[in-house]
Amino acid sequence: MYAGWDYALLTNQPGNGTALVFTLHADDLTYSIESTSANWGDHRTWCLYGADIRLEKSSCGTRWQIEDLGGDEFYLKVAGTRKRIETSKLQDRKRWLSAEEEIFIVNEEFVRFRLVHP
């Protein structure tokens, strides 16, 4: 949590994260993304706020697309744009998520998500 808002954060501990729920919008094949837990119970929907990904109420209008990388890996990007989710590569700090078209800082990278089968 930062300045009274809850933002999406990449876990720094492998195997210790929050599951995400993807809701398909059949009209345009985009998704809404919701974290299964958050600091504020009704603020779990991923919402783009500037370049940052903030957890908001379900009324947030940000839609996401999946960019398949093969196997079970994929990038997430803001629908209708080239903005992919990225984060810091530095392991000794919090790895907040944001959306950018390209990497501007040496120690940042696009996040590769992986489908985890229960």
PDB file of N, CA and C in Angstrom:
ATOM      1  N   MET A   1       0.842  -1.156   0.000  1.00  0.00           N
ATOM      2  CA  MET A   1       0.000   0.000   0.000  1.00  0.00           C
ATOM      3  C   MET A   1       0.899   1.234   0.000  1.00  0.00           C
ATOM      4  N   TYR A   2       0.513   2.269  -0.765  1.00  0.00           N
ATOM      5  CA  TYR A   2       1.282   3.496  -0.865  1.00  0.00           C
ATOM      6  C   TYR A   2       0.332   4.674  -0.950  1.00  0.00           C
ATOM      7  N   ALA A   3       0.508   5.656  -0.089  1.00  0.00           N
ATOM      8  CA  ALA A   3      -0.301   6.877  -0.078  1.00  0.00           C
ATOM      9  C   ALA A   3      -1.801   6.577  -0.031  1.00  0.00           C
ATOM     10  N   GLY A   4      -2.177   5.550   0.731  1.00  0.00           N
ATOM     11  CA  GLY A   4      -3.595   5.225   0.879  1.00  0.00           C
ATOM     12  C   GLY A   4      -4.187   4.420  -0.256  1.00  0.00           C
ATOM     13  N   TRP A   5      -3.384   4.058  -1.241  1.00  0.00           N
ATOM     14  CA  TRP A   5      -3.857   3.245  -2.371  1.00  0.00           C
ATOM     15  C   TRP A   5      -3.149   1.904  -2.353  1.00  0.00           C
ATOM     16  N   ASP A   6      -3.788   0.903  -2.928  1.00  0.00           N
ATOM     17  CA  ASP A   6      -3.215  -0.434  -3.032  1.00  0.00           C
ATOM     18  C   ASP A   6      -2.769  -0.634  -4.484  1.00  0.00           C
ATOM     19  N   TYR A   7      -1.502  -0.952  -4.689  1.00  0.00           N
ATOM     20  CA  TYR A   7      -0.952  -1.137  -6.031  1.00  0.00           C
ATOM     21  C   TYR A   7      -0.525  -2.589  -6.227  1.00  0.00           C
ATOM     22  N   ALA A   8      -0.479  -3.021  -7.489  1.00  0.00           N
ATOM     23  CA  ALA A   8      -0.048  -4.376  -7.815  1.00  0.00           C
ATOM     24  C   ALA A   8       1.464  -4.482  -7.641  1.00  0.00           C
ATOM     25  N   LEU A   9       1.888  -5.562  -7.020  1.00  0.00           N
ATOM     26  CA  LEU A   9       3.287  -5.796  -6.687  1.00  0.00           C
ATOM     27  C   LEU A   9       3.650  -7.217  -7.090  1.00  0.00           C
ATOM     28  N   LEU A  10       4.804  -7.362  -7.742  1.00  0.00           N
ATOM     29  CA  LEU A  10       5.309  -8.689  -8.085  1.00  0.00           C
ATOM     30  C   LEU A  10       5.973  -9.273  -6.844  1.00  0.00           C
ATOM     31  N   THR A  11       5.674 -10.514  -6.534  1.00  0.00           N
ATOM     32  CA  THR A  11       6.267 -11.127  -5.336  1.00  0.00           C
ATOM     33  C   THR A  11       7.780 -11.255  -5.488  1.00  0.00           C
ATOM     34  N   ASN A  12       8.471 -11.086  -4.407  1.00  0.00           N
ATOM     35  CA  ASN A  12       9.920 -11.296  -4.398  1.00  0.00           C
ATOM     36  C   ASN A  12      10.282 -12.697  -3.933  1.00  0.00           C
ATOM     37  N   GLN A  13       9.262 -13.485  -3.564  1.00  0.00           N
ATOM     38  CA  GLN A  13       9.488 -14.845  -3.090  1.00  0.00           C
ATOM     39  C   GLN A  13       8.781 -15.821  -4.019  1.00  0.00           C
ATOM     40  N   PRO A  14       9.526 -16.554  -4.845  1.00  0.00           N
ATOM     41  CA  PRO A  14       8.896 -17.522  -5.743  1.00  0.00           C
ATOM     42  C   PRO A  14       7.947 -18.457  -4.996  1.00  0.00           C
ATOM     43  N   GLY A  15       6.790 -18.682  -5.568  1.00  0.00           N
ATOM     44  CA  GLY A  15       5.806 -19.571  -4.966  1.00  0.00           C
ATOM     45  C   GLY A  15       4.947 -18.897  -3.917  1.00  0.00           C
ATOM     46  N   ASN A  16       5.192 -17.615  -3.644  1.00  0.00           N
ATOM     47  CA  ASN A  16       4.440 -16.896  -2.629  1.00  0.00           C
ATOM     48  C   ASN A  16       3.801 -15.671  -3.274  1.00  0.00           C
ATOM     49  N   GLY A  17       2.645 -15.866  -3.876  1.00  0.00           N
ATOM     50  CA  GLY A  17       1.971 -14.762  -4.548  1.00  0.00           C
ATOM     51  C   GLY A  17       0.471 -14.883  -4.411  1.00  0.00           C
ATOM     52  N   THR A  18      -0.213 -13.983  -5.050  1.00  0.00           N
ATOM     53  CA  THR A  18      -1.670 -13.959  -5.033  1.00  0.00           C
ATOM     54  C   THR A  18      -2.190 -14.422  -6.379  1.00  0.00           C
ATOM     55  N   ALA A  19      -3.132 -15.328  -6.354  1.00  0.00           N
ATOM     56  CA  ALA A  19      -3.733 -15.799  -7.609  1.00  0.00           C
ATOM     57  C   ALA A  19      -4.534 -14.666  -8.249  1.00  0.00           C
ATOM     58  N   LEU A  20      -4.606 -14.690  -9.570  1.00  0.00           N
ATOM     59  CA  LEU A  20      -5.374 -13.707 -10.325  1.00  0.00           C
ATOM     60  C   LEU A  20      -6.547 -14.389 -11.001  1.00  0.00           C
ATOM     61  N   VAL A  21      -7.662 -13.666 -11.109  1.00  0.00           N
ATOM     62  CA  VAL A  21      -8.843 -14.161 -11.805  1.00  0.00           C
ATOM     63  C   VAL A  21      -9.017 -13.313 -13.059  1.00  0.00           C
ATOM     64  N   PHE A  22      -9.088 -13.971 -14.217  1.00  0.00           N
ATOM     65  CA  PHE A  22      -9.279 -13.289 -15.497  1.00  0.00           C
ATOM     66  C   PHE A  22     -10.733 -13.461 -15.919  1.00  0.00           C
ATOM     67  N   THR A  23     -11.421 -12.357 -16.179  1.00  0.00           N
ATOM     68  CA  THR A  23     -12.804 -12.393 -16.647  1.00  0.00           C
ATOM     69  C   THR A  23     -12.817 -11.965 -18.104  1.00  0.00           C
ATOM     70  N   LEU A  24     -13.224 -12.878 -18.981  1.00  0.00           N
ATOM     71  CA  LEU A  24     -13.248 -12.609 -20.417  1.00  0.00           C
ATOM     72  C   LEU A  24     -14.432 -11.729 -20.784  1.00  0.00           C
ATOM     73  N   HIS A  25     -14.170 -10.705 -21.593  1.00  0.00           N
ATOM     74  CA  HIS A  25     -15.216  -9.877 -22.194  1.00  0.00           C
ATOM     75  C   HIS A  25     -15.357 -10.366 -23.637  1.00  0.00           C
ATOM     76  N   ALA A  26     -16.374 -11.154 -23.885  1.00  0.00           N
ATOM     77  CA  ALA A  26     -16.535 -11.829 -25.174  1.00  0.00           C
ATOM     78  C   ALA A  26     -16.724 -10.852 -26.335  1.00  0.00           C
ATOM     79  N   ASP A  27     -17.221  -9.650 -26.059  1.00  0.00           N
ATOM     80  CA  ASP A  27     -17.477  -8.689 -27.137  1.00  0.00           C
ATOM     81  C   ASP A  27     -16.199  -8.255 -27.843  1.00  0.00           C
ATOM     82  N   ASP A  28     -15.062  -8.205 -27.133  1.00  0.00           N
ATOM     83  CA  ASP A  28     -13.816  -7.774 -27.766  1.00  0.00           C
ATOM     84  C   ASP A  28     -12.606  -8.632 -27.383  1.00  0.00           C
ATOM     85  N   LEU A  29     -12.857  -9.781 -26.745  1.00  0.00           N
ATOM     86  CA  LEU A  29     -11.817 -10.739 -26.363  1.00  0.00           C
ATOM     87  C   LEU A  29     -10.715 -10.094 -25.507  1.00  0.00           C
ATOM     88  N   THR A  30     -11.130  -9.228 -24.586  1.00  0.00           N
ATOM     89  CA  THR A  30     -10.212  -8.657 -23.610  1.00  0.00           C
ATOM     90  C   THR A  30     -10.597  -9.197 -22.233  1.00  0.00           C
ATOM     91  N   TYR A  31      -9.788  -8.867 -21.236  1.00  0.00           N
ATOM     92  CA  TYR A  31     -10.007  -9.385 -19.891  1.00  0.00           C
ATOM     93  C   TYR A  31      -9.996  -8.268 -18.854  1.00  0.00           C
ATOM     94  N   SER A  32     -10.735  -8.474 -17.787  1.00  0.00           N
ATOM     95  CA  SER A  32     -10.560  -7.735 -16.545  1.00  0.00           C
ATOM     96  C   SER A  32      -9.763  -8.659 -15.645  1.00  0.00           C
ATOM     97  N   ILE A  33      -8.890  -8.083 -14.815  1.00  0.00           N
ATOM     98  CA  ILE A  33      -8.049  -8.886 -13.930  1.00  0.00           C
ATOM     99  C   ILE A  33      -8.344  -8.495 -12.491  1.00  0.00           C
ATOM    100  N   GLU A  34      -8.508  -9.509 -11.650  1.00  0.00           N
ATOM    101  CA  GLU A  34      -8.789  -9.274 -10.240  1.00  0.00           C
ATOM    102  C   GLU A  34      -7.841 -10.110  -9.383  1.00  0.00           C
ATOM    103  N   SER A  35      -7.235  -9.474  -8.387  1.00  0.00           N
ATOM    104  CA  SER A  35      -6.430 -10.201  -7.409  1.00  0.00           C
ATOM    105  C   SER A  35      -7.370 -10.901  -6.438  1.00  0.00           C
ATOM    106  N   THR A  36      -6.990 -12.072  -5.960  1.00  0.00           N
ATOM    107  CA  THR A  36      -7.859 -12.797  -5.032  1.00  0.00           C
ATOM    108  C   THR A  36      -7.731 -12.293  -3.601  1.00  0.00           C
ATOM    109  N   SER A  37      -6.750 -11.430  -3.345  1.00  0.00           N
ATOM    110  CA  SER A  37      -6.668 -10.782  -2.035  1.00  0.00           C
ATOM    111  C   SER A  37      -6.060  -9.398  -2.208  1.00  0.00           C
ATOM    112  N   ALA A  38      -6.355  -8.512  -1.268  1.00  0.00           N
ATOM    113  CA  ALA A  38      -5.860  -7.136  -1.307  1.00  0.00           C
ATOM    114  C   ALA A  38      -6.001  -6.531   0.078  1.00  0.00           C
ATOM    115  N   ASN A  39      -5.375  -5.392   0.277  1.00  0.00           N
ATOM    116  CA  ASN A  39      -5.465  -4.702   1.565  1.00  0.00           C
ATOM    117  C   ASN A  39      -6.863  -4.150   1.817  1.00  0.00           C
ATOM    118  N   TRP A  40      -7.568  -3.781   0.782  1.00  0.00           N
ATOM    119  CA  TRP A  40      -8.931  -3.259   0.871  1.00  0.00           C
ATOM    120  C   TRP A  40      -9.821  -4.272   0.157  1.00  0.00           C
ATOM    121  N   GLY A  41     -10.709  -4.934   0.866  1.00  0.00           N
ATOM    122  CA  GLY A  41     -11.494  -6.041   0.339  1.00  0.00           C
ATOM    123  C   GLY A  41     -12.206  -5.813  -0.976  1.00  0.00           C
ATOM    124  N   ASP A  42     -12.792  -4.630  -1.186  1.00  0.00           N
ATOM    125  CA  ASP A  42     -13.541  -4.412  -2.420  1.00  0.00           C
ATOM    126  C   ASP A  42     -12.707  -3.726  -3.498  1.00  0.00           C
ATOM    127  N   HIS A  43     -11.423  -3.544  -3.269  1.00  0.00           N
ATOM    128  CA  HIS A  43     -10.507  -2.947  -4.244  1.00  0.00           C
ATOM    129  C   HIS A  43      -9.523  -4.029  -4.702  1.00  0.00           C
ATOM    130  N   ARG A  44      -9.939  -4.836  -5.693  1.00  0.00           N
ATOM    131  CA  ARG A  44      -9.093  -5.941  -6.149  1.00  0.00           C
ATOM    132  C   ARG A  44      -8.903  -5.955  -7.665  1.00  0.00           C
ATOM    133  N   THR A  45      -9.584  -5.079  -8.395  1.00  0.00           N
ATOM    134  CA  THR A  45      -9.505  -5.063  -9.858  1.00  0.00           C
ATOM    135  C   THR A  45      -8.305  -4.251 -10.323  1.00  0.00           C
ATOM    136  N   TRP A  46      -7.519  -4.807 -11.248  1.00  0.00           N
ATOM    137  CA  TRP A  46      -6.341  -4.123 -11.780  1.00  0.00           C
ATOM    138  C   TRP A  46      -6.790  -2.962 -12.653  1.00  0.00           C
ATOM    139  N   CYS A  47      -6.372  -1.754 -12.297  1.00  0.00           N
ATOM    140  CA  CYS A  47      -6.776  -0.541 -12.997  1.00  0.00           C
ATOM    141  C   CYS A  47      -5.539   0.286 -13.332  1.00  0.00           C
ATOM    142  N   LEU A  48      -5.416   0.695 -14.578  1.00  0.00           N
ATOM    143  CA  LEU A  48      -4.289   1.516 -14.980  1.00  0.00           C
ATOM    144  C   LEU A  48      -4.527   2.946 -14.505  1.00  0.00           C
ATOM    145  N   TYR A  49      -3.562   3.475 -13.766  1.00  0.00           N
ATOM    146  CA  TYR A  49      -3.627   4.832 -13.240  1.00  0.00           C
ATOM    147  C   TYR A  49      -2.305   5.494 -13.617  1.00  0.00           C
ATOM    148  N   GLY A  50      -2.293   6.287 -14.678  1.00  0.00           N
ATOM    149  CA  GLY A  50      -1.034   6.755 -15.255  1.00  0.00           C
ATOM    150  C   GLY A  50      -0.341   5.548 -15.844  1.00  0.00           C
ATOM    151  N   ALA A  51       0.861   5.258 -15.383  1.00  0.00           N
ATOM    152  CA  ALA A  51       1.559   4.032 -15.815  1.00  0.00           C
ATOM    153  C   ALA A  51       1.461   2.942 -14.757  1.00  0.00           C
ATOM    154  N   ASP A  52       0.941   3.287 -13.582  1.00  0.00           N
ATOM    155  CA  ASP A  52       0.884   2.337 -12.466  1.00  0.00           C
ATOM    156  C   ASP A  52      -0.368   1.467 -12.516  1.00  0.00           C
ATOM    157  N   ILE A  53      -0.283   0.294 -11.898  1.00  0.00           N
ATOM    158  CA  ILE A  53      -1.427  -0.605 -11.813  1.00  0.00           C
ATOM    159  C   ILE A  53      -1.922  -0.570 -10.377  1.00  0.00           C
ATOM    160  N   ARG A  54      -3.077   0.023 -10.216  1.00  0.00           N
ATOM    161  CA  ARG A  54      -3.669   0.216  -8.898  1.00  0.00           C
ATOM    162  C   ARG A  54      -4.837  -0.737  -8.727  1.00  0.00           C
ATOM    163  N   LEU A  55      -5.055  -1.209  -7.514  1.00  0.00           N
ATOM    164  CA  LEU A  55      -6.190  -2.074  -7.230  1.00  0.00           C
ATOM    165  C   LEU A  55      -7.387  -1.189  -6.898  1.00  0.00           C
ATOM    166  N   GLU A  56      -8.455  -1.355  -7.678  1.00  0.00           N
ATOM    167  CA  GLU A  56      -9.652  -0.511  -7.583  1.00  0.00           C
ATOM    168  C   GLU A  56     -10.888  -1.378  -7.424  1.00  0.00           C
ATOM    169  N   LYS A  57     -12.034  -0.718  -7.337  1.00  0.00           N
ATOM    170  CA  LYS A  57     -13.318  -1.421  -7.338  1.00  0.00           C
ATOM    171  C   LYS A  57     -13.565  -1.998  -8.723  1.00  0.00           C
ATOM    172  N   SER A  58     -14.483  -2.931  -8.822  1.00  0.00           N
ATOM    173  CA  SER A  58     -14.734  -3.639 -10.089  1.00  0.00           C
ATOM    174  C   SER A  58     -15.245  -2.727 -11.198  1.00  0.00           C
ATOM    175  N   SER A  59     -15.622  -1.493 -10.896  1.00  0.00           N
ATOM    176  CA  SER A  59     -16.125  -0.577 -11.917  1.00  0.00           C
ATOM    177  C   SER A  59     -15.005   0.006 -12.786  1.00  0.00           C
ATOM    178  N   CYS A  60     -13.755  -0.282 -12.455  1.00  0.00           N
ATOM    179  CA  CYS A  60     -12.622   0.198 -13.250  1.00  0.00           C
ATOM    180  C   CYS A  60     -12.740  -0.328 -14.672  1.00  0.00           C
ATOM    181  N   GLY A  61     -12.451   0.510 -15.644  1.00  0.00           N
ATOM    182  CA  GLY A  61     -12.651   0.126 -17.038  1.00  0.00           C
ATOM    183  C   GLY A  61     -11.439  -0.409 -17.764  1.00  0.00           C
ATOM    184  N   THR A  62     -10.307  -0.596 -17.088  1.00  0.00           N
ATOM    185  CA  THR A  62      -9.112  -1.070 -17.782  1.00  0.00           C
ATOM    186  C   THR A  62      -9.308  -2.504 -18.255  1.00  0.00           C
ATOM    187  N   ARG A  63      -9.049  -2.711 -19.538  1.00  0.00           N
ATOM    188  CA  ARG A  63      -9.118  -4.056 -20.109  1.00  0.00           C
ATOM    189  C   ARG A  63      -7.724  -4.467 -20.562  1.00  0.00           C
ATOM    190  N   TRP A  64      -7.488  -5.765 -20.492  1.00  0.00           N
ATOM    191  CA  TRP A  64      -6.161  -6.323 -20.748  1.00  0.00           C
ATOM    192  C   TRP A  64      -6.224  -7.365 -21.849  1.00  0.00           C
ATOM    193  N   GLN A  65      -5.105  -7.545 -22.551  1.00  0.00           N
ATOM    194  CA  GLN A  65      -4.965  -8.588 -23.571  1.00  0.00           C
ATOM    195  C   GLN A  65      -3.784  -9.480 -23.198  1.00  0.00           C
ATOM    196  N   ILE A  66      -3.861 -10.713 -23.646  1.00  0.00           N
ATOM    197  CA  ILE A  66      -2.788 -11.682 -23.422  1.00  0.00           C
ATOM    198  C   ILE A  66      -1.973 -11.788 -24.695  1.00  0.00           C
ATOM    199  N   GLU A  67      -0.663 -11.693 -24.561  1.00  0.00           N
ATOM    200  CA  GLU A  67       0.261 -11.876 -25.681  1.00  0.00           C
ATOM    201  C   GLU A  67       0.994 -13.187 -25.432  1.00  0.00           C
ATOM    202  N   ASP A  68       0.604 -14.224 -26.150  1.00  0.00           N
ATOM    203  CA  ASP A  68       1.112 -15.571 -25.938  1.00  0.00           C
ATOM    204  C   ASP A  68       2.592 -15.658 -26.304  1.00  0.00           C
ATOM    205  N   LEU A  69       3.384 -16.263 -25.414  1.00  0.00           N
ATOM    206  CA  LEU A  69       4.812 -16.460 -25.646  1.00  0.00           C
ATOM    207  C   LEU A  69       5.145 -17.930 -25.883  1.00  0.00           C
ATOM    208  N   GLY A  70       4.119 -18.766 -25.923  1.00  0.00           N
ATOM    209  CA  GLY A  70       4.343 -20.196 -26.093  1.00  0.00           C
ATOM    210  C   GLY A  70       4.408 -20.897 -24.752  1.00  0.00           C
ATOM    211  N   GLY A  71       4.099 -22.176 -24.769  1.00  0.00           N
ATOM    212  CA  GLY A  71       4.054 -22.923 -23.513  1.00  0.00           C
ATOM    213  C   GLY A  71       2.965 -22.331 -22.635  1.00  0.00           C
ATOM    214  N   ASP A  72       3.246 -22.127 -21.374  1.00  0.00           N
ATOM    215  CA  ASP A  72       2.289 -21.519 -20.454  1.00  0.00           C
ATOM    216  C   ASP A  72       2.660 -20.089 -20.103  1.00  0.00           C
ATOM    217  N   GLU A  73       3.571 -19.460 -20.874  1.00  0.00           N
ATOM    218  CA  GLU A  73       4.009 -18.100 -20.557  1.00  0.00           C
ATOM    219  C   GLU A  73       3.334 -17.076 -21.461  1.00  0.00           C
ATOM    220  N   PHE A  74       3.127 -15.868 -20.870  1.00  0.00           N
ATOM    221  CA  PHE A  74       2.500 -14.798 -21.638  1.00  0.00           C
ATOM    222  C   PHE A  74       2.832 -13.442 -21.041  1.00  0.00           C
ATOM    223  N   TYR A  75       2.732 -12.408 -21.897  1.00  0.00           N
ATOM    224  CA  TYR A  75       2.781 -11.031 -21.430  1.00  0.00           C
ATOM    225  C   TYR A  75       1.349 -10.558 -21.258  1.00  0.00           C
ATOM    226  N   LEU A  76       1.152  -9.586 -20.387  1.00  0.00           N
ATOM    227  CA  LEU A  76      -0.125  -8.891 -20.287  1.00  0.00           C
ATOM    228  C   LEU A  76       0.089  -7.491 -20.799  1.00  0.00           C
ATOM    229  N   LYS A  77      -0.855  -7.011 -21.615  1.00  0.00           N
ATOM    230  CA  LYS A  77      -0.742  -5.636 -22.082  1.00  0.00           C
ATOM    231  C   LYS A  77      -2.099  -4.946 -22.016  1.00  0.00           C
ATOM    232  N   VAL A  78      -2.062  -3.635 -21.951  1.00  0.00           N
ATOM    233  CA  VAL A  78      -3.282  -2.838 -21.928  1.00  0.00           C
ATOM    234  C   VAL A  78      -3.934  -2.979 -23.300  1.00  0.00           C
ATOM    235  N   ALA A  79      -5.206  -3.360 -23.330  1.00  0.00           N
ATOM    236  CA  ALA A  79      -5.912  -3.608 -24.596  1.00  0.00           C
ATOM    237  C   ALA A  79      -5.832  -2.393 -25.515  1.00  0.00           C
ATOM    238  N   GLY A  80      -5.541  -2.674 -26.780  1.00  0.00           N
ATOM    239  CA  GLY A  80      -5.499  -1.634 -27.801  1.00  0.00           C
ATOM    240  C   GLY A  80      -4.245  -0.777 -27.782  1.00  0.00           C
ATOM    241  N   THR A  81      -3.248  -1.174 -26.993  1.00  0.00           N
ATOM    242  CA  THR A  81      -1.994  -0.415 -26.922  1.00  0.00           C
ATOM    243  C   THR A  81      -0.813  -1.380 -27.032  1.00  0.00           C
ATOM    244  N   ARG A  82       0.382  -0.808 -26.998  1.00  0.00           N
ATOM    245  CA  ARG A  82       1.602  -1.618 -26.952  1.00  0.00           C
ATOM    246  C   ARG A  82       2.166  -1.671 -25.540  1.00  0.00           C
ATOM    247  N   LYS A  83       1.433  -1.186 -24.542  1.00  0.00           N
ATOM    248  CA  LYS A  83       1.916  -1.130 -23.162  1.00  0.00           C
ATOM    249  C   LYS A  83       1.836  -2.498 -22.506  1.00  0.00           C
ATOM    250  N   ARG A  84       3.015  -3.038 -22.163  1.00  0.00           N
ATOM    251  CA  ARG A  84       3.112  -4.311 -21.440  1.00  0.00           C
ATOM    252  C   ARG A  84       3.421  -4.034 -19.976  1.00  0.00           C
ATOM    253  N   ILE A  85       3.106  -5.008 -19.126  1.00  0.00           N
ATOM    254  CA  ILE A  85       3.419  -4.882 -17.713  1.00  0.00           C
ATOM    255  C   ILE A  85       4.916  -5.100 -17.512  1.00  0.00           C
ATOM    256  N   GLU A  86       5.527  -4.188 -16.755  1.00  0.00           N
ATOM    257  CA  GLU A  86       6.960  -4.273 -16.465  1.00  0.00           C
ATOM    258  C   GLU A  86       7.199  -4.014 -14.992  1.00  0.00           C
ATOM    259  N   THR A  87       8.419  -4.346 -14.555  1.00  0.00           N
ATOM    260  CA  THR A  87       8.813  -4.124 -13.162  1.00  0.00           C
ATOM    261  C   THR A  87      10.324  -4.012 -13.075  1.00  0.00           C
ATOM    262  N   SER A  88      10.805  -3.721 -11.886  1.00  0.00           N
ATOM    263  CA  SER A  88      12.243  -3.652 -11.623  1.00  0.00           C
ATOM    264  C   SER A  88      12.828  -5.065 -11.580  1.00  0.00           C
ATOM    265  N   LYS A  89      14.071  -5.217 -12.030  1.00  0.00           N
ATOM    266  CA  LYS A  89      14.780  -6.493 -11.915  1.00  0.00           C
ATOM    267  C   LYS A  89      15.548  -6.585 -10.607  1.00  0.00           C
ATOM    268  N   LEU A  90      15.609  -5.497  -9.846  1.00  0.00           N
ATOM    269  CA  LEU A  90      16.364  -5.486  -8.601  1.00  0.00           C
ATOM    270  C   LEU A  90      15.631  -6.279  -7.539  1.00  0.00           C
ATOM    271  N   GLN A  91      16.278  -7.293  -6.983  1.00  0.00           N
ATOM    272  CA  GLN A  91      15.644  -8.188  -6.020  1.00  0.00           C
ATOM    273  C   GLN A  91      15.555  -7.605  -4.613  1.00  0.00           C
ATOM    274  N   ASP A  92      16.311  -6.556  -4.327  1.00  0.00           N
ATOM    275  CA  ASP A  92      16.362  -6.030  -2.963  1.00  0.00           C
ATOM    276  C   ASP A  92      15.374  -4.890  -2.713  1.00  0.00           C
ATOM    277  N   ARG A  93      14.412  -4.712  -3.598  1.00  0.00           N
ATOM    278  CA  ARG A  93      13.414  -3.674  -3.402  1.00  0.00           C
ATOM    279  C   ARG A  93      12.052  -4.187  -3.825  1.00  0.00           C
ATOM    280  N   LYS A  94      11.005  -3.475  -3.449  1.00  0.00           N
ATOM    281  CA  LYS A  94       9.667  -3.881  -3.862  1.00  0.00           C
ATOM    282  C   LYS A  94       9.543  -3.740  -5.370  1.00  0.00           C
ATOM    283  N   ARG A  95       8.926  -4.723  -5.986  1.00  0.00           N
ATOM    284  CA  ARG A  95       8.844  -4.771  -7.442  1.00  0.00           C
ATOM    285  C   ARG A  95       7.428  -4.408  -7.893  1.00  0.00           C
ATOM    286  N   TRP A  96       7.111  -3.107  -7.831  1.00  0.00           N
ATOM    287  CA  TRP A  96       5.804  -2.611  -8.247  1.00  0.00           C
ATOM    288  C   TRP A  96       5.604  -2.846  -9.732  1.00  0.00           C
ATOM    289  N   LEU A  97       4.349  -3.077 -10.143  1.00  0.00           N
ATOM    290  CA  LEU A  97       4.042  -3.296 -11.551  1.00  0.00           C
ATOM    291  C   LEU A  97       3.560  -1.994 -12.180  1.00  0.00           C
ATOM    292  N   SER A  98       3.944  -1.797 -13.439  1.00  0.00           N
ATOM    293  CA  SER A  98       3.455  -0.656 -14.211  1.00  0.00           C
ATOM    294  C   SER A  98       3.323  -1.101 -15.663  1.00  0.00           C
ATOM    295  N   ALA A  99       2.786  -0.236 -16.510  1.00  0.00           N
ATOM    296  CA  ALA A  99       2.590  -0.571 -17.928  1.00  0.00           C
ATOM    297  C   ALA A  99       3.312   0.459 -18.789  1.00  0.00           C
ATOM    298  N   GLU A 100       4.201  -0.013 -19.640  1.00  0.00           N
ATOM    299  CA  GLU A 100       4.998   0.858 -20.515  1.00  0.00           C
ATOM    300  C   GLU A 100       5.104   0.227 -21.902  1.00  0.00           C
ATOM    301  N   GLU A 101       5.328   1.070 -22.923  1.00  0.00           N
ATOM    302  CA  GLU A 101       5.515   0.561 -24.280  1.00  0.00           C
ATOM    303  C   GLU A 101       6.918  -0.001 -24.484  1.00  0.00           C
ATOM    304  N   GLU A 102       7.893   0.575 -23.790  1.00  0.00           N
ATOM    305  CA  GLU A 102       9.255   0.086 -23.905  1.00  0.00           C
ATOM    306  C   GLU A 102       9.969   0.270 -22.575  1.00  0.00           C
ATOM    307  N   ILE A 103      11.111  -0.386 -22.445  1.00  0.00           N
ATOM    308  CA  ILE A 103      11.896  -0.310 -21.219  1.00  0.00           C
ATOM    309  C   ILE A 103      12.805   0.914 -21.312  1.00  0.00           C
ATOM    310  N   PHE A 104      12.708   1.800 -20.309  1.00  0.00           N
ATOM    311  CA  PHE A 104      13.506   3.020 -20.300  1.00  0.00           C
ATOM    312  C   PHE A 104      14.662   2.963 -19.309  1.00  0.00           C
ATOM    313  N   ILE A 105      14.577   2.099 -18.318  1.00  0.00           N
ATOM    314  CA  ILE A 105      15.578   2.037 -17.256  1.00  0.00           C
ATOM    315  C   ILE A 105      16.275   0.683 -17.320  1.00  0.00           C
ATOM    316  N   VAL A 106      17.594   0.684 -17.186  1.00  0.00           N
ATOM    317  CA  VAL A 106      18.393  -0.535 -17.329  1.00  0.00           C
ATOM    318  C   VAL A 106      17.904  -1.670 -16.446  1.00  0.00           C
ATOM    319  N   ASN A 107      17.540  -1.404 -15.219  1.00  0.00           N
ATOM    320  CA  ASN A 107      17.167  -2.469 -14.287  1.00  0.00           C
ATOM    321  C   ASN A 107      15.677  -2.783 -14.288  1.00  0.00           C
ATOM    322  N   GLU A 108      15.016  -2.623 -15.415  1.00  0.00           N
ATOM    323  CA  GLU A 108      13.605  -2.995 -15.529  1.00  0.00           C
ATOM    324  C   GLU A 108      13.437  -4.026 -16.632  1.00  0.00           C
ATOM    325  N   GLU A 109      12.326  -4.750 -16.574  1.00  0.00           N
ATOM    326  CA  GLU A 109      12.047  -5.777 -17.577  1.00  0.00           C
ATOM    327  C   GLU A 109      10.549  -5.983 -17.694  1.00  0.00           C
ATOM    328  N   PHE A 110      10.119  -6.478 -18.858  1.00  0.00           N
ATOM    329  CA  PHE A 110       8.723  -6.867 -19.011  1.00  0.00           C
ATOM    330  C   PHE A 110       8.490  -8.151 -18.229  1.00  0.00           C
ATOM    331  N   VAL A 111       7.335  -8.264 -17.601  1.00  0.00           N
ATOM    332  CA  VAL A 111       7.026  -9.410 -16.749  1.00  0.00           C
ATOM    333  C   VAL A 111       6.458 -10.543 -17.597  1.00  0.00           C
ATOM    334  N   ARG A 112       7.039 -11.722 -17.482  1.00  0.00           N
ATOM    335  CA  ARG A 112       6.501 -12.925 -18.112  1.00  0.00           C
ATOM    336  C   ARG A 112       5.640 -13.619 -17.077  1.00  0.00           C
ATOM    337  N   PHE A 113       4.346 -13.722 -17.383  1.00  0.00           N
ATOM    338  CA  PHE A 113       3.428 -14.429 -16.493  1.00  0.00           C
ATOM    339  C   PHE A 113       3.382 -15.888 -16.918  1.00  0.00           C
ATOM    340  N   ARG A 114       3.041 -16.749 -15.997  1.00  0.00           N
ATOM    341  CA  ARG A 114       2.949 -18.177 -16.292  1.00  0.00           C
ATOM    342  C   ARG A 114       1.651 -18.718 -15.731  1.00  0.00           C
ATOM    343  N   LEU A 115       0.968 -19.470 -16.559  1.00  0.00           N
ATOM    344  CA  LEU A 115      -0.254 -20.151 -16.132  1.00  0.00           C
ATOM    345  C   LEU A 115       0.133 -21.272 -15.179  1.00  0.00           C
ATOM    346  N   VAL A 116      -0.490 -21.291 -14.011  1.00  0.00           N
ATOM    347  CA  VAL A 116      -0.218 -22.331 -13.028  1.00  0.00           C
ATOM    348  C   VAL A 116      -1.440 -23.221 -12.938  1.00  0.00           C
ATOM    349  N   HIS A 117      -1.246 -24.488 -13.196  1.00  0.00           N
ATOM    350  CA  HIS A 117      -2.341 -25.458 -13.163  1.00  0.00           C
ATOM    351  C   HIS A 117      -2.495 -25.973 -11.738  1.00  0.00           C
ATOM    352  N   PRO A 118      -3.727 -25.922 -11.211  1.00  0.00           N
ATOM    353  CA  PRO A 118      -3.935 -26.404  -9.831  1.00  0.00           C
ATOM    354  C   PRO A 118      -3.702 -27.903  -9.684  1.00  0.00           C
TER     355      PRO A 118
END
